[in-house]
């Protein structure tokens, strides 16, 4: 993911799943398509045992894949589209 939406939510009454769903809804309204990837602070995965069963292995909320990123601050959610590695880059020369 090269670009995305940075979402902040520090509401202690909401779990990770609800926060990601709210952020994904906002992303979809803003950009016209749903995100498929969300980076979170590593502590967010281990803190929300209800969603992830405490093992950190299940990493999806709906269609959004959740990954931890050490550069993501606590309570921040970076959403976007995963880069399709199978697509080849294309350059167009304009004359």
C-alpha atoms as a PDB file:
ATOM      1  CA  UNK A   1       0.000   0.000   0.000  1.00  0.00           C
ATOM      2  CA  UNK A   2       1.509   3.284  -1.093  1.00  0.00           C
ATOM      3  CA  UNK A   3      -1.265   5.674  -0.058  1.00  0.00           C
ATOM      4  CA  UNK A   4      -4.234   5.407   2.226  1.00  0.00           C
ATOM      5  CA  UNK A   5      -6.457   6.995   4.820  1.00  0.00           C
ATOM      6  CA  UNK A   6      -5.125   7.514   8.332  1.00  0.00           C
ATOM      7  CA  UNK A   7      -7.927   7.132  10.878  1.00  0.00           C
ATOM      8  CA  UNK A   8      -7.689   7.932  14.608  1.00  0.00           C
ATOM      9  CA  UNK A   9     -10.010   6.328  17.171  1.00  0.00           C
ATOM     10  CA  UNK A  10      -9.116   6.101  20.848  1.00  0.00           C
ATOM     11  CA  UNK A  11     -12.613   5.341  22.199  1.00  0.00           C
ATOM     12  CA  UNK A  12     -12.068   2.722  24.930  1.00  0.00           C
ATOM     13  CA  UNK A  13     -15.699   1.534  24.616  1.00  0.00           C
ATOM     14  CA  UNK A  14     -15.129   0.242  21.080  1.00  0.00           C
ATOM     15  CA  UNK A  15     -13.231  -2.853  20.059  1.00  0.00           C
ATOM     16  CA  UNK A  16     -10.822  -3.182  17.170  1.00  0.00           C
ATOM     17  CA  UNK A  17     -13.459  -4.715  14.904  1.00  0.00           C
ATOM     18  CA  UNK A  18     -15.867  -1.780  15.296  1.00  0.00           C
ATOM     19  CA  UNK A  19     -13.092   0.778  14.846  1.00  0.00           C
ATOM     20  CA  UNK A  20     -11.879  -0.841  11.623  1.00  0.00           C
ATOM     21  CA  UNK A  21     -15.445  -1.137  10.314  1.00  0.00           C
ATOM     22  CA  UNK A  22     -16.126   2.548  10.984  1.00  0.00           C
ATOM     23  CA  UNK A  23     -12.859   3.566   9.338  1.00  0.00           C
ATOM     24  CA  UNK A  24     -13.570   1.320   6.324  1.00  0.00           C
ATOM     25  CA  UNK A  25     -17.052   2.835   5.935  1.00  0.00           C
ATOM     26  CA  UNK A  26     -15.575   6.337   5.948  1.00  0.00           C
ATOM     27  CA  UNK A  27     -12.931   5.264   3.432  1.00  0.00           C
ATOM     28  CA  UNK A  28     -15.579   3.824   1.123  1.00  0.00           C
ATOM     29  CA  UNK A  29     -17.699   7.003   1.282  1.00  0.00           C
ATOM     30  CA  UNK A  30     -14.669   9.157   0.583  1.00  0.00           C
ATOM     31  CA  UNK A  31     -13.010   7.140  -2.207  1.00  0.00           C
ATOM     32  CA  UNK A  32     -15.932   5.209  -3.714  1.00  0.00           C
ATOM     33  CA  UNK A  33     -14.574   1.726  -3.026  1.00  0.00           C
ATOM     34  CA  UNK A  34     -13.927  -0.344   0.075  1.00  0.00           C
ATOM     35  CA  UNK A  35     -10.386  -0.803   1.401  1.00  0.00           C
ATOM     36  CA  UNK A  36      -8.917  -4.282   1.634  1.00  0.00           C
ATOM     37  CA  UNK A  37      -5.988  -3.605   3.953  1.00  0.00           C
ATOM     38  CA  UNK A  38      -5.550  -1.911   7.331  1.00  0.00           C
ATOM     39  CA  UNK A  39      -2.315  -1.446   9.265  1.00  0.00           C
ATOM     40  CA  UNK A  40      -2.591  -1.078  13.050  1.00  0.00           C
ATOM     41  CA  UNK A  41      -0.198  -0.727  15.960  1.00  0.00           C
ATOM     42  CA  UNK A  42       1.037  -4.205  17.032  1.00  0.00           C
ATOM     43  CA  UNK A  43      -0.522  -3.747  20.464  1.00  0.00           C
ATOM     44  CA  UNK A  44      -3.985  -3.439  18.913  1.00  0.00           C
ATOM     45  CA  UNK A  45      -3.906  -7.056  17.738  1.00  0.00           C
ATOM     46  CA  UNK A  46      -2.850  -8.517  21.054  1.00  0.00           C
ATOM     47  CA  UNK A  47      -5.209  -6.280  23.048  1.00  0.00           C
ATOM     48  CA  UNK A  48      -8.393  -7.326  21.255  1.00  0.00           C
ATOM     49  CA  UNK A  49      -8.657 -11.012  22.139  1.00  0.00           C
ATOM     50  CA  UNK A  50     -12.382 -11.103  21.288  1.00  0.00           C
ATOM     51  CA  UNK A  51     -11.703 -10.624  17.572  1.00  0.00           C
ATOM     52  CA  UNK A  52      -8.356 -12.347  17.262  1.00  0.00           C
ATOM     53  CA  UNK A  53      -8.635 -15.089  19.877  1.00  0.00           C
ATOM     54  CA  UNK A  54      -5.467 -13.872  21.548  1.00  0.00           C
ATOM     55  CA  UNK A  55      -3.239 -15.608  19.002  1.00  0.00           C
ATOM     56  CA  UNK A  56      -2.898 -12.798  16.478  1.00  0.00           C
ATOM     57  CA  UNK A  57      -3.349 -15.268  13.599  1.00  0.00           C
ATOM     58  CA  UNK A  58      -6.880 -14.380  12.458  1.00  0.00           C
ATOM     59  CA  UNK A  59      -6.374 -11.076  10.727  1.00  0.00           C
ATOM     60  CA  UNK A  60      -9.566 -10.053   8.935  1.00  0.00           C
ATOM     61  CA  UNK A  61     -12.458  -7.792   9.780  1.00  0.00           C
ATOM     62  CA  UNK A  62     -15.014  -8.328   7.046  1.00  0.00           C
ATOM     63  CA  UNK A  63     -13.086  -8.036   3.785  1.00  0.00           C
ATOM     64  CA  UNK A  64     -10.327  -5.918   5.329  1.00  0.00           C
ATOM     65  CA  UNK A  65      -7.065  -7.700   6.098  1.00  0.00           C
ATOM     66  CA  UNK A  66      -5.475  -6.454   9.324  1.00  0.00           C
ATOM     67  CA  UNK A  67      -1.686  -6.263   9.578  1.00  0.00           C
ATOM     68  CA  UNK A  68       0.449  -4.838  12.316  1.00  0.00           C
ATOM     69  CA  UNK A  69       2.987  -2.170  11.566  1.00  0.00           C
ATOM     70  CA  UNK A  70       5.564  -0.902  14.039  1.00  0.00           C
ATOM     71  CA  UNK A  71       5.454   2.536  12.438  1.00  0.00           C
ATOM     72  CA  UNK A  72       1.716   2.923  13.127  1.00  0.00           C
ATOM     73  CA  UNK A  73       1.005   4.818  16.346  1.00  0.00           C
ATOM     74  CA  UNK A  74      -1.444   3.440  18.924  1.00  0.00           C
ATOM     75  CA  UNK A  75      -5.113   4.186  18.130  1.00  0.00           C
ATOM     76  CA  UNK A  76      -4.285   4.907  14.473  1.00  0.00           C
ATOM     77  CA  UNK A  77      -5.554   2.866  11.530  1.00  0.00           C
ATOM     78  CA  UNK A  78      -4.017   3.165   8.073  1.00  0.00           C
ATOM     79  CA  UNK A  79      -6.463   1.885   5.451  1.00  0.00           C
ATOM     80  CA  UNK A  80      -6.093   1.446   1.726  1.00  0.00           C
ATOM     81  CA  UNK A  81      -5.766  -0.997  -1.112  1.00  0.00           C
ATOM     82  CA  UNK A  82      -3.087  -3.668  -1.127  1.00  0.00           C
ATOM     83  CA  UNK A  83      -0.745  -3.448  -4.086  1.00  0.00           C
ATOM     84  CA  UNK A  84      -1.439  -6.154  -6.628  1.00  0.00           C
ATOM     85  CA  UNK A  85       1.931  -7.805  -7.137  1.00  0.00           C
ATOM     86  CA  UNK A  86       0.693  -9.601 -10.250  1.00  0.00           C
ATOM     87  CA  UNK A  87      -0.018  -6.369 -12.134  1.00  0.00           C
ATOM     88  CA  UNK A  88       2.851  -5.178 -14.258  1.00  0.00           C
ATOM     89  CA  UNK A  89       3.611  -1.502 -14.272  1.00  0.00           C
ATOM     90  CA  UNK A  90       2.829   0.342 -17.438  1.00  0.00           C
ATOM     91  CA  UNK A  91       4.412   3.514 -18.693  1.00  0.00           C
ATOM     92  CA  UNK A  92       2.755   5.721 -21.236  1.00  0.00           C
ATOM     93  CA  UNK A  93       4.655   8.251 -23.271  1.00  0.00           C
ATOM     94  CA  UNK A  94       2.669  11.405 -24.072  1.00  0.00           C
ATOM     95  CA  UNK A  95       3.828  13.367 -27.085  1.00  0.00           C
END
